[in-house]
Amino acid sequence: MSAEDFARFQALVLEDVPLQQALAATKDVPAFITLARQLGAERGCHFTDAEVREEIRAARQQWLRTWL
């Protein structure tokens, strides 16, 4: 269920500007992961640190492929 919850949380973030702003205001990856898991749990979405880290890694790779 964790992967489904993470995907559901991602969809919620895309529709919620204040949620986006809260996540964007974090200063580093560990703080981002902690906040994402907290905000996710508050919305009934439970996922792991590893899932968030993997998404960050994949997004970075995509960015590099686009711009390099």
C-alpha atoms as a PDB file:
ATOM      1  CA  MET A   1       0.000   0.000   0.000  1.00  0.00           C
ATOM      2  CA  SER A   2       2.951   2.293   0.551  1.00  0.00           C
ATOM      3  CA  ALA A   3       3.585   2.943  -3.167  1.00  0.00           C
ATOM      4  CA  GLU A   4      -0.100   3.661  -3.724  1.00  0.00           C
ATOM      5  CA  ASP A   5      -0.132   6.064  -0.786  1.00  0.00           C
ATOM      6  CA  PHE A   6       2.947   7.844  -2.120  1.00  0.00           C
ATOM      7  CA  ALA A   7       1.354   8.250  -5.551  1.00  0.00           C
ATOM      8  CA  ARG A   8      -1.827   9.564  -3.908  1.00  0.00           C
ATOM      9  CA  PHE A   9       0.208  12.063  -1.866  1.00  0.00           C
ATOM     10  CA  GLN A  10       1.992  13.253  -5.019  1.00  0.00           C
ATOM     11  CA  ALA A  11      -1.385  13.891  -6.646  1.00  0.00           C
ATOM     12  CA  LEU A  12      -2.542  15.824  -3.575  1.00  0.00           C
ATOM     13  CA  VAL A  13       0.588  17.978  -3.669  1.00  0.00           C
ATOM     14  CA  LEU A  14       0.026  18.846  -7.321  1.00  0.00           C
ATOM     15  CA  GLU A  15      -3.440  20.181  -6.452  1.00  0.00           C
ATOM     16  CA  ASP A  16      -2.532  22.035  -3.243  1.00  0.00           C
ATOM     17  CA  VAL A  17      -0.413  25.203  -3.563  1.00  0.00           C
ATOM     18  CA  PRO A  18       0.101  25.713   0.209  1.00  0.00           C
ATOM     19  CA  LEU A  19       1.301  22.111   0.444  1.00  0.00           C
ATOM     20  CA  GLN A  20       3.712  22.755  -2.436  1.00  0.00           C
ATOM     21  CA  GLN A  21       4.982  25.892  -0.714  1.00  0.00           C
ATOM     22  CA  ALA A  22       5.541  24.085   2.576  1.00  0.00           C
ATOM     23  CA  LEU A  23       7.590  21.396   0.870  1.00  0.00           C
ATOM     24  CA  ALA A  24       9.519  23.899  -1.260  1.00  0.00           C
ATOM     25  CA  ALA A  25      10.506  25.871   1.845  1.00  0.00           C
ATOM     26  CA  THR A  26      12.575  23.011   3.265  1.00  0.00           C
ATOM     27  CA  LYS A  27      16.322  23.584   3.306  1.00  0.00           C
ATOM     28  CA  ASP A  28      17.686  20.088   2.727  1.00  0.00           C
ATOM     29  CA  VAL A  29      16.752  16.574   1.661  1.00  0.00           C
ATOM     30  CA  PRO A  30      16.393  15.066   5.170  1.00  0.00           C
ATOM     31  CA  ALA A  31      14.078  17.916   6.209  1.00  0.00           C
ATOM     32  CA  PHE A  32      12.085  17.525   2.985  1.00  0.00           C
ATOM     33  CA  ILE A  33      11.651  13.798   3.569  1.00  0.00           C
ATOM     34  CA  THR A  34      10.593  14.299   7.184  1.00  0.00           C
ATOM     35  CA  LEU A  35       8.066  16.968   6.234  1.00  0.00           C
ATOM     36  CA  ALA A  36       6.726  14.986   3.271  1.00  0.00           C
ATOM     37  CA  ARG A  37       6.150  11.931   5.461  1.00  0.00           C
ATOM     38  CA  GLN A  38       4.502  14.037   8.176  1.00  0.00           C
ATOM     39  CA  LEU A  39       2.210  15.843   5.745  1.00  0.00           C
ATOM     40  CA  GLY A  40       1.446  12.586   3.971  1.00  0.00           C
ATOM     41  CA  ALA A  41       0.544  10.829   7.211  1.00  0.00           C
ATOM     42  CA  GLU A  42      -1.755  13.724   8.147  1.00  0.00           C
ATOM     43  CA  ARG A  43      -3.617  12.985   4.906  1.00  0.00           C
ATOM     44  CA  GLY A  44      -3.729   9.223   5.349  1.00  0.00           C
ATOM     45  CA  CYS A  45      -0.773   8.549   3.032  1.00  0.00           C
ATOM     46  CA  HIS A  46       1.969   6.412   4.535  1.00  0.00           C
ATOM     47  CA  PHE A  47       5.233   5.860   2.673  1.00  0.00           C
ATOM     48  CA  THR A  48       8.904   5.339   3.396  1.00  0.00           C
ATOM     49  CA  ASP A  49      11.975   7.538   3.357  1.00  0.00           C
ATOM     50  CA  ALA A  50      13.311   5.306   0.585  1.00  0.00           C
ATOM     51  CA  GLU A  51      10.323   6.028  -1.660  1.00  0.00           C
ATOM     52  CA  VAL A  52      10.831   9.764  -1.298  1.00  0.00           C
ATOM     53  CA  ARG A  53      14.590   9.469  -1.862  1.00  0.00           C
ATOM     54  CA  GLU A  54      14.010   7.381  -5.007  1.00  0.00           C
ATOM     55  CA  GLU A  55      11.599   9.970  -6.394  1.00  0.00           C
ATOM     56  CA  ILE A  56      14.125  12.742  -5.715  1.00  0.00           C
ATOM     57  CA  ARG A  57      16.841  10.707  -7.464  1.00  0.00           C
ATOM     58  CA  ALA A  58      14.601  10.024 -10.453  1.00  0.00           C
ATOM     59  CA  ALA A  59      13.615  13.698 -10.725  1.00  0.00           C
ATOM     60  CA  ARG A  60      17.271  14.751 -10.667  1.00  0.00           C
ATOM     61  CA  GLN A  61      18.130  12.253 -13.388  1.00  0.00           C
ATOM     62  CA  GLN A  62      15.239  13.486 -15.515  1.00  0.00           C
ATOM     63  CA  TRP A  63      16.353  17.075 -15.052  1.00  0.00           C
ATOM     64  CA  LEU A  64      19.894  16.166 -16.098  1.00  0.00           C
ATOM     65  CA  ARG A  65      18.657  14.333 -19.192  1.00  0.00           C
ATOM     66  CA  THR A  66      16.597  17.373 -20.147  1.00  0.00           C
ATOM     67  CA  TRP A  67      19.275  19.999 -19.684  1.00  0.00           C
ATOM     68  CA  LEU A  68      22.579  18.248 -20.438  1.00  0.00           C
END
